[in-house]
Amino acid sequence: ERNLRESMAEVERAQSALAANEERLRLATESADIFAWEIDEKSGRVHYSTNIAEAFGFDPRGSFDQSRLIEMVHPEDRAAVARGMK
């Protein structure tokens, strides 16, 4: 029981740290007026900052497939971007 409580406390600390880091990233991207995104390599899902959602009309809590990100790139640059994502 003690080990379980300690493990649960560690999970809660990790979740709090993650939430704080996410908030710092949000504040930094908003104040610097830059866009940020990350691609989950396993699923190919693109997760993006709220200011990207606002600028492009995306769902602020959403994500999209990596292939959609490539479609947003200028046609002449798509092949190079796609190679860089592998």
PDB file of N, CA and C in Angstrom:
ATOM      1  N   GLU A   1       0.829  -1.184   0.000  1.00  0.00           N
ATOM      2  CA  GLU A   1       0.000   0.000   0.000  1.00  0.00           C
ATOM      3  C   GLU A   1       0.878   1.253   0.000  1.00  0.00           C
ATOM      4  N   ARG A   2       1.943   1.191   0.785  1.00  0.00           N
ATOM      5  CA  ARG A   2       2.852   2.340   0.842  1.00  0.00           C
ATOM      6  C   ARG A   2       3.496   2.595  -0.519  1.00  0.00           C
ATOM      7  N   ASN A   3       3.943   1.525  -1.190  1.00  0.00           N
ATOM      8  CA  ASN A   3       4.543   1.651  -2.520  1.00  0.00           C
ATOM      9  C   ASN A   3       3.552   2.219  -3.525  1.00  0.00           C
ATOM     10  N   LEU A   4       2.308   1.795  -3.402  1.00  0.00           N
ATOM     11  CA  LEU A   4       1.282   2.309  -4.298  1.00  0.00           C
ATOM     12  C   LEU A   4       1.075   3.804  -4.083  1.00  0.00           C
ATOM     13  N   ARG A   5       1.014   4.238  -2.822  1.00  0.00           N
ATOM     14  CA  ARG A   5       0.845   5.661  -2.517  1.00  0.00           C
ATOM     15  C   ARG A   5       2.032   6.471  -3.051  1.00  0.00           C
ATOM     16  N   GLU A   6       3.231   5.932  -2.871  1.00  0.00           N
ATOM     17  CA  GLU A   6       4.419   6.625  -3.360  1.00  0.00           C
ATOM     18  C   GLU A   6       4.420   6.711  -4.885  1.00  0.00           C
ATOM     19  N   SER A   7       4.000   5.638  -5.517  1.00  0.00           N
ATOM     20  CA  SER A   7       3.926   5.636  -6.981  1.00  0.00           C
ATOM     21  C   SER A   7       2.892   6.635  -7.480  1.00  0.00           C
ATOM     22  N   MET A   8       1.745   6.670  -6.813  1.00  0.00           N
ATOM     23  CA  MET A   8       0.696   7.619  -7.202  1.00  0.00           C
ATOM     24  C   MET A   8       1.169   9.060  -7.004  1.00  0.00           C
ATOM     25  N   ALA A   9       1.895   9.302  -5.928  1.00  0.00           N
ATOM     26  CA  ALA A   9       2.424  10.643  -5.674  1.00  0.00           C
ATOM     27  C   ALA A   9       3.427  11.026  -6.762  1.00  0.00           C
ATOM     28  N   GLU A  10       4.238  10.079  -7.190  1.00  0.00           N
ATOM     29  CA  GLU A  10       5.217  10.344  -8.255  1.00  0.00           C
ATOM     30  C   GLU A  10       4.507  10.651  -9.573  1.00  0.00           C
ATOM     31  N   VAL A  11       3.466   9.914  -9.873  1.00  0.00           N
ATOM     32  CA  VAL A  11       2.686  10.170 -11.091  1.00  0.00           C
ATOM     33  C   VAL A  11       2.077  11.565 -11.037  1.00  0.00           C
ATOM     34  N   GLU A  12       1.539  11.943  -9.909  1.00  0.00           N
ATOM     35  CA  GLU A  12       0.942  13.273  -9.756  1.00  0.00           C
ATOM     36  C   GLU A  12       1.997  14.365  -9.924  1.00  0.00           C
ATOM     37  N   ARG A  13       3.191  14.161  -9.380  1.00  0.00           N
ATOM     38  CA  ARG A  13       4.271  15.150  -9.552  1.00  0.00           C
ATOM     39  C   ARG A  13       4.661  15.265 -11.021  1.00  0.00           C
ATOM     40  N   ALA A  14       4.748  14.137 -11.698  1.00  0.00           N
ATOM     41  CA  ALA A  14       5.109  14.147 -13.113  1.00  0.00           C
ATOM     42  C   ALA A  14       4.036  14.845 -13.949  1.00  0.00           C
ATOM     43  N   GLN A  15       2.773  14.590 -13.631  1.00  0.00           N
ATOM     44  CA  GLN A  15       1.682  15.243 -14.356  1.00  0.00           C
ATOM     45  C   GLN A  15       1.689  16.750 -14.112  1.00  0.00           C
ATOM     46  N   SER A  16       1.965  17.163 -12.899  1.00  0.00           N
ATOM     47  CA  SER A  16       2.043  18.589 -12.578  1.00  0.00           C
ATOM     48  C   SER A  16       3.195  19.253 -13.323  1.00  0.00           C
ATOM     49  N   ALA A  17       4.325  18.576 -13.377  1.00  0.00           N
ATOM     50  CA  ALA A  17       5.487  19.124 -14.091  1.00  0.00           C
ATOM     51  C   ALA A  17       5.192  19.241 -15.584  1.00  0.00           C
ATOM     52  N   LEU A  18       4.539  18.241 -16.139  1.00  0.00           N
ATOM     53  CA  LEU A  18       4.179  18.273 -17.554  1.00  0.00           C
ATOM     54  C   LEU A  18       3.222  19.428 -17.841  1.00  0.00           C
ATOM     55  N   ALA A  19       2.213  19.595 -17.007  1.00  0.00           N
ATOM     56  CA  ALA A  19       1.254  20.685 -17.189  1.00  0.00           C
ATOM     57  C   ALA A  19       1.957  22.037 -17.099  1.00  0.00           C
ATOM     58  N   ALA A  20       2.890  22.180 -16.171  1.00  0.00           N
ATOM     59  CA  ALA A  20       3.630  23.440 -16.035  1.00  0.00           C
ATOM     60  C   ALA A  20       4.489  23.701 -17.270  1.00  0.00           C
ATOM     61  N   ASN A  21       5.138  22.662 -17.791  1.00  0.00           N
ATOM     62  CA  ASN A  21       5.949  22.813 -19.000  1.00  0.00           C
ATOM     63  C   ASN A  21       5.089  23.189 -20.200  1.00  0.00           C
ATOM     64  N   GLU A  22       3.932  22.574 -20.329  1.00  0.00           N
ATOM     65  CA  GLU A  22       3.026  22.893 -21.428  1.00  0.00           C
ATOM     66  C   GLU A  22       2.558  24.347 -21.335  1.00  0.00           C
ATOM     67  N   GLU A  23       2.287  24.808 -20.138  1.00  0.00           N
ATOM     68  CA  GLU A  23       1.860  26.192 -19.945  1.00  0.00           C
ATOM     69  C   GLU A  23       2.994  27.154 -20.297  1.00  0.00           C
ATOM     70  N   ARG A  24       4.217  26.837 -19.902  1.00  0.00           N
ATOM     71  CA  ARG A  24       5.362  27.689 -20.253  1.00  0.00           C
ATOM     72  C   ARG A  24       5.548  27.756 -21.768  1.00  0.00           C
ATOM     73  N   LEU A  25       5.406  26.619 -22.440  1.00  0.00           N
ATOM     74  CA  LEU A  25       5.525  26.603 -23.893  1.00  0.00           C
ATOM     75  C   LEU A  25       4.435  27.452 -24.524  1.00  0.00           C
ATOM     76  N   ARG A  26       3.223  27.338 -24.036  1.00  0.00           N
ATOM     77  CA  ARG A  26       2.117  28.134 -24.573  1.00  0.00           C
ATOM     78  C   ARG A  26       2.393  29.621 -24.406  1.00  0.00           C
ATOM     79  N   LEU A  27       2.808  30.017 -23.217  1.00  0.00           N
ATOM     80  CA  LEU A  27       3.095  31.431 -22.964  1.00  0.00           C
ATOM     81  C   LEU A  27       4.253  31.927 -23.833  1.00  0.00           C
ATOM     82  N   ALA A  28       5.279  31.106 -23.986  1.00  0.00           N
ATOM     83  CA  ALA A  28       6.430  31.507 -24.797  1.00  0.00           C
ATOM     84  C   ALA A  28       6.051  31.677 -26.261  1.00  0.00           C
ATOM     85  N   THR A  29       5.299  30.730 -26.804  1.00  0.00           N
ATOM     86  CA  THR A  29       4.936  30.832 -28.217  1.00  0.00           C
ATOM     87  C   THR A  29       3.993  31.998 -28.461  1.00  0.00           C
ATOM     88  N   GLU A  30       3.088  32.232 -27.525  1.00  0.00           N
ATOM     89  CA  GLU A  30       2.167  33.356 -27.693  1.00  0.00           C
ATOM     90  C   GLU A  30       2.886  34.694 -27.566  1.00  0.00           C
ATOM     91  N   SER A  31       3.753  34.836 -26.584  1.00  0.00           N
ATOM     92  CA  SER A  31       4.423  36.122 -26.383  1.00  0.00           C
ATOM     93  C   SER A  31       5.449  36.397 -27.479  1.00  0.00           C
ATOM     94  N   ALA A  32       6.074  35.366 -28.014  1.00  0.00           N
ATOM     95  CA  ALA A  32       7.045  35.540 -29.090  1.00  0.00           C
ATOM     96  C   ALA A  32       6.373  35.568 -30.455  1.00  0.00           C
ATOM     97  N   ASP A  33       5.087  35.278 -30.477  1.00  0.00           N
ATOM     98  CA  ASP A  33       4.308  35.234 -31.718  1.00  0.00           C
ATOM     99  C   ASP A  33       4.928  34.267 -32.732  1.00  0.00           C
ATOM    100  N   ILE A  34       5.248  33.053 -32.237  1.00  0.00           N
ATOM    101  CA  ILE A  34       5.774  32.000 -33.100  1.00  0.00           C
ATOM    102  C   ILE A  34       4.848  30.793 -33.032  1.00  0.00           C
ATOM    103  N   PHE A  35       4.950  29.956 -34.017  1.00  0.00           N
ATOM    104  CA  PHE A  35       4.153  28.740 -34.061  1.00  0.00           C
ATOM    105  C   PHE A  35       4.997  27.562 -33.567  1.00  0.00           C
ATOM    106  N   ALA A  36       4.336  26.611 -32.946  1.00  0.00           N
ATOM    107  CA  ALA A  36       5.023  25.395 -32.507  1.00  0.00           C
ATOM    108  C   ALA A  36       4.120  24.201 -32.772  1.00  0.00           C
ATOM    109  N   TRP A  37       4.719  23.122 -33.189  1.00  0.00           N
ATOM    110  CA  TRP A  37       3.982  21.878 -33.373  1.00  0.00           C
ATOM    111  C   TRP A  37       4.916  20.720 -33.098  1.00  0.00           C
ATOM    112  N   GLU A  38       4.321  19.579 -32.896  1.00  0.00           N
ATOM    113  CA  GLU A  38       5.105  18.360 -32.724  1.00  0.00           C
ATOM    114  C   GLU A  38       4.392  17.239 -33.455  1.00  0.00           C
ATOM    115  N   ILE A  39       5.185  16.307 -33.921  1.00  0.00           N
ATOM    116  CA  ILE A  39       4.649  15.169 -34.661  1.00  0.00           C
ATOM    117  C   ILE A  39       4.914  13.912 -33.855  1.00  0.00           C
ATOM    118  N   ASP A  40       3.857  13.175 -33.574  1.00  0.00           N
ATOM    119  CA  ASP A  40       3.985  11.883 -32.910  1.00  0.00           C
ATOM    120  C   ASP A  40       4.456  10.886 -33.971  1.00  0.00           C
ATOM    121  N   GLU A  41       5.678  10.424 -33.843  1.00  0.00           N
ATOM    122  CA  GLU A  41       6.259   9.562 -34.868  1.00  0.00           C
ATOM    123  C   GLU A  41       5.512   8.248 -35.038  1.00  0.00           C
ATOM    124  N   LYS A  42       4.950   7.728 -33.964  1.00  0.00           N
ATOM    125  CA  LYS A  42       4.237   6.452 -34.066  1.00  0.00           C
ATOM    126  C   LYS A  42       2.919   6.601 -34.802  1.00  0.00           C
ATOM    127  N   SER A  43       2.156   7.636 -34.460  1.00  0.00           N
ATOM    128  CA  SER A  43       0.826   7.779 -35.040  1.00  0.00           C
ATOM    129  C   SER A  43       0.799   8.692 -36.264  1.00  0.00           C
ATOM    130  N   GLY A  44       1.830   9.536 -36.417  1.00  0.00           N
ATOM    131  CA  GLY A  44       1.834  10.488 -37.525  1.00  0.00           C
ATOM    132  C   GLY A  44       0.937  11.692 -37.272  1.00  0.00           C
ATOM    133  N   ARG A  45       0.411  11.823 -36.051  1.00  0.00           N
ATOM    134  CA  ARG A  45      -0.468  12.951 -35.711  1.00  0.00           C
ATOM    135  C   ARG A  45       0.361  14.189 -35.429  1.00  0.00           C
ATOM    136  N   VAL A  46      -0.137  15.330 -35.903  1.00  0.00           N
ATOM    137  CA  VAL A  46       0.506  16.621 -35.674  1.00  0.00           C
ATOM    138  C   VAL A  46      -0.304  17.351 -34.620  1.00  0.00           C
ATOM    139  N   HIS A  47       0.353  17.738 -33.531  1.00  0.00           N
ATOM    140  CA  HIS A  47      -0.271  18.526 -32.470  1.00  0.00           C
ATOM    141  C   HIS A  47       0.342  19.916 -32.554  1.00  0.00           C
ATOM    142  N   TYR A  48      -0.469  20.944 -32.394  1.00  0.00           N
ATOM    143  CA  TYR A  48      -0.001  22.297 -32.662  1.00  0.00           C
ATOM    144  C   TYR A  48      -0.386  23.259 -31.552  1.00  0.00           C
ATOM    145  N   SER A  49       0.296  24.411 -31.541  1.00  0.00           N
ATOM    146  CA  SER A  49       0.038  25.437 -30.541  1.00  0.00           C
ATOM    147  C   SER A  49      -1.286  26.135 -30.827  1.00  0.00           C
ATOM    148  N   THR A  50      -1.828  26.753 -29.802  1.00  0.00           N
ATOM    149  CA  THR A  50      -3.127  27.418 -29.956  1.00  0.00           C
ATOM    150  C   THR A  50      -3.063  28.561 -30.951  1.00  0.00           C
ATOM    151  N   ASN A  51      -1.901  29.225 -31.074  1.00  0.00           N
ATOM    152  CA  ASN A  51      -1.851  30.320 -32.035  1.00  0.00           C
ATOM    153  C   ASN A  51      -1.862  29.821 -33.481  1.00  0.00           C
ATOM    154  N   ILE A  52      -1.417  28.607 -33.726  1.00  0.00           N
ATOM    155  CA  ILE A  52      -1.576  28.012 -35.066  1.00  0.00           C
ATOM    156  C   ILE A  52      -3.058  27.793 -35.333  1.00  0.00           C
ATOM    157  N   ALA A  53      -3.752  27.281 -34.331  1.00  0.00           N
ATOM    158  CA  ALA A  53      -5.195  27.055 -34.479  1.00  0.00           C
ATOM    159  C   ALA A  53      -5.906  28.360 -34.802  1.00  0.00           C
ATOM    160  N   GLU A  54      -5.554  29.417 -34.104  1.00  0.00           N
ATOM    161  CA  GLU A  54      -6.185  30.710 -34.342  1.00  0.00           C
ATOM    162  C   GLU A  54      -5.852  31.259 -35.732  1.00  0.00           C
ATOM    163  N   ALA A  55      -4.598  31.148 -36.142  1.00  0.00           N
ATOM    164  CA  ALA A  55      -4.164  31.703 -37.421  1.00  0.00           C
ATOM    165  C   ALA A  55      -4.772  30.971 -38.618  1.00  0.00           C
ATOM    166  N   PHE A  56      -4.938  29.654 -38.482  1.00  0.00           N
ATOM    167  CA  PHE A  56      -5.387  28.862 -39.618  1.00  0.00           C
ATOM    168  C   PHE A  56      -6.794  28.303 -39.468  1.00  0.00           C
ATOM    169  N   GLY A  57      -7.458  28.627 -38.374  1.00  0.00           N
ATOM    170  CA  GLY A  57      -8.829  28.175 -38.183  1.00  0.00           C
ATOM    171  C   GLY A  57      -8.957  26.710 -37.808  1.00  0.00           C
ATOM    172  N   PHE A  58      -7.921  26.150 -37.182  1.00  0.00           N
ATOM    173  CA  PHE A  58      -7.990  24.761 -36.739  1.00  0.00           C
ATOM    174  C   PHE A  58      -8.680  24.679 -35.383  1.00  0.00           C
ATOM    175  N   ASP A  59      -9.138  23.496 -35.061  1.00  0.00           N
ATOM    176  CA  ASP A  59      -9.682  23.231 -33.734  1.00  0.00           C
ATOM    177  C   ASP A  59      -8.531  23.355 -32.729  1.00  0.00           C
ATOM    178  N   PRO A  60      -8.655  24.246 -31.715  1.00  0.00           N
ATOM    179  CA  PRO A  60      -7.547  24.444 -30.781  1.00  0.00           C
ATOM    180  C   PRO A  60      -7.178  23.209 -29.967  1.00  0.00           C
ATOM    181  N   ARG A  61      -8.069  22.270 -29.856  1.00  0.00           N
ATOM    182  CA  ARG A  61      -7.761  21.040 -29.108  1.00  0.00           C
ATOM    183  C   ARG A  61      -7.531  19.860 -30.036  1.00  0.00           C
ATOM    184  N   GLY A  62      -7.455  20.128 -31.309  1.00  0.00           N
ATOM    185  CA  GLY A  62      -7.369  19.047 -32.278  1.00  0.00           C
ATOM    186  C   GLY A  62      -5.959  18.714 -32.707  1.00  0.00           C
ATOM    187  N   SER A  63      -5.884  17.868 -33.687  1.00  0.00           N
ATOM    188  CA  SER A  63      -4.637  17.481 -34.330  1.00  0.00           C
ATOM    189  C   SER A  63      -5.024  17.004 -35.722  1.00  0.00           C
ATOM    190  N   PHE A  64      -4.036  16.769 -36.535  1.00  0.00           N
ATOM    191  CA  PHE A  64      -4.325  16.224 -37.851  1.00  0.00           C
ATOM    192  C   PHE A  64      -3.189  15.307 -38.269  1.00  0.00           C
ATOM    193  N   ASP A  65      -3.417  14.590 -39.343  1.00  0.00           N
ATOM    194  CA  ASP A  65      -2.452  13.632 -39.840  1.00  0.00           C
ATOM    195  C   ASP A  65      -1.273  14.352 -40.497  1.00  0.00           C
ATOM    196  N   GLN A  66      -0.112  13.772 -40.394  1.00  0.00           N
ATOM    197  CA  GLN A  66       1.112  14.338 -40.950  1.00  0.00           C
ATOM    198  C   GLN A  66       0.968  14.631 -42.448  1.00  0.00           C
ATOM    199  N   SER A  67       0.226  13.834 -43.168  1.00  0.00           N
ATOM    200  CA  SER A  67       0.061  14.062 -44.604  1.00  0.00           C
ATOM    201  C   SER A  67      -0.647  15.389 -44.872  1.00  0.00           C
ATOM    202  N   ARG A  68      -1.533  15.791 -43.975  1.00  0.00           N
ATOM    203  CA  ARG A  68      -2.209  17.091 -44.135  1.00  0.00           C
ATOM    204  C   ARG A  68      -1.211  18.230 -43.963  1.00  0.00           C
ATOM    205  N   LEU A  69      -0.266  18.073 -43.060  1.00  0.00           N
ATOM    206  CA  LEU A  69       0.764  19.097 -42.873  1.00  0.00           C
ATOM    207  C   LEU A  69       1.563  19.257 -44.163  1.00  0.00           C
ATOM    208  N   ILE A  70       1.926  18.163 -44.776  1.00  0.00           N
ATOM    209  CA  ILE A  70       2.685  18.220 -46.029  1.00  0.00           C
ATOM    210  C   ILE A  70       1.862  18.892 -47.120  1.00  0.00           C
ATOM    211  N   GLU A  71       0.556  18.662 -47.151  1.00  0.00           N
ATOM    212  CA  GLU A  71      -0.312  19.299 -48.146  1.00  0.00           C
ATOM    213  C   GLU A  71      -0.349  20.819 -47.995  1.00  0.00           C
ATOM    214  N   MET A  72      -0.069  21.323 -46.788  1.00  0.00           N
ATOM    215  CA  MET A  72      -0.087  22.766 -46.550  1.00  0.00           C
ATOM    216  C   MET A  72       1.190  23.452 -47.025  1.00  0.00           C
ATOM    217  N   VAL A  73       2.222  22.669 -47.309  1.00  0.00           N
ATOM    218  CA  VAL A  73       3.498  23.203 -47.771  1.00  0.00           C
ATOM    219  C   VAL A  73       3.386  23.517 -49.262  1.00  0.00           C
ATOM    220  N   HIS A  74       4.128  24.518 -49.705  1.00  0.00           N
ATOM    221  CA  HIS A  74       4.142  24.868 -51.130  1.00  0.00           C
ATOM    222  C   HIS A  74       4.480  23.609 -51.935  1.00  0.00           C
ATOM    223  N   PRO A  75       3.760  23.397 -53.046  1.00  0.00           N
ATOM    224  CA  PRO A  75       3.961  22.160 -53.828  1.00  0.00           C
ATOM    225  C   PRO A  75       5.418  21.874 -54.193  1.00  0.00           C
ATOM    226  N   GLU A  76       6.193  22.902 -54.484  1.00  0.00           N
ATOM    227  CA  GLU A  76       7.584  22.687 -54.869  1.00  0.00           C
ATOM    228  C   GLU A  76       8.443  22.196 -53.702  1.00  0.00           C
ATOM    229  N   ASP A  77       7.993  22.413 -52.482  1.00  0.00           N
ATOM    230  CA  ASP A  77       8.768  22.043 -51.304  1.00  0.00           C
ATOM    231  C   ASP A  77       8.276  20.770 -50.607  1.00  0.00           C
ATOM    232  N   ARG A  78       7.179  20.221 -51.058  1.00  0.00           N
ATOM    233  CA  ARG A  78       6.574  19.078 -50.359  1.00  0.00           C
ATOM    234  C   ARG A  78       7.482  17.864 -50.267  1.00  0.00           C
ATOM    235  N   ALA A  79       8.148  17.517 -51.340  1.00  0.00           N
ATOM    236  CA  ALA A  79       9.002  16.322 -51.334  1.00  0.00           C
ATOM    237  C   ALA A  79      10.124  16.471 -50.306  1.00  0.00           C
ATOM    238  N   ALA A  80      10.740  17.635 -50.260  1.00  0.00           N
ATOM    239  CA  ALA A  80      11.828  17.855 -49.304  1.00  0.00           C
ATOM    240  C   ALA A  80      11.315  17.817 -47.879  1.00  0.00           C
ATOM    241  N   VAL A  81      10.164  18.406 -47.638  1.00  0.00           N
ATOM    242  CA  VAL A  81       9.587  18.390 -46.284  1.00  0.00           C
ATOM    243  C   VAL A  81       9.242  16.955 -45.891  1.00  0.00           C
ATOM    244  N   ALA A  82       8.638  16.219 -46.789  1.00  0.00           N
ATOM    245  CA  ALA A  82       8.268  14.825 -46.513  1.00  0.00           C
ATOM    246  C   ALA A  82       9.513  13.996 -46.192  1.00  0.00           C
ATOM    247  N   ARG A  83      10.605  14.204 -46.930  1.00  0.00           N
ATOM    248  CA  ARG A  83      11.856  13.474 -46.645  1.00  0.00           C
ATOM    249  C   ARG A  83      12.381  13.839 -45.274  1.00  0.00           C
ATOM    250  N   GLY A  84      12.268  15.098 -44.896  1.00  0.00           N
ATOM    251  CA  GLY A  84      12.756  15.549 -43.604  1.00  0.00           C
ATOM    252  C   GLY A  84      11.959  15.012 -42.433  1.00  0.00           C
ATOM    253  N   MET A  85      10.742  14.572 -42.682  1.00  0.00           N
ATOM    254  CA  MET A  85       9.880  14.055 -41.615  1.00  0.00           C
ATOM    255  C   MET A  85      10.078  12.575 -41.388  1.00  0.00           C
ATOM    256  N   LYS A  86      10.866  11.925 -42.204  1.00  0.00           N
ATOM    257  CA  LYS A  86      11.065  10.478 -42.054  1.00  0.00           C
ATOM    258  C   LYS A  86      12.110  10.166 -41.048  1.00  0.00           C
TER     259      LYS A  86
END
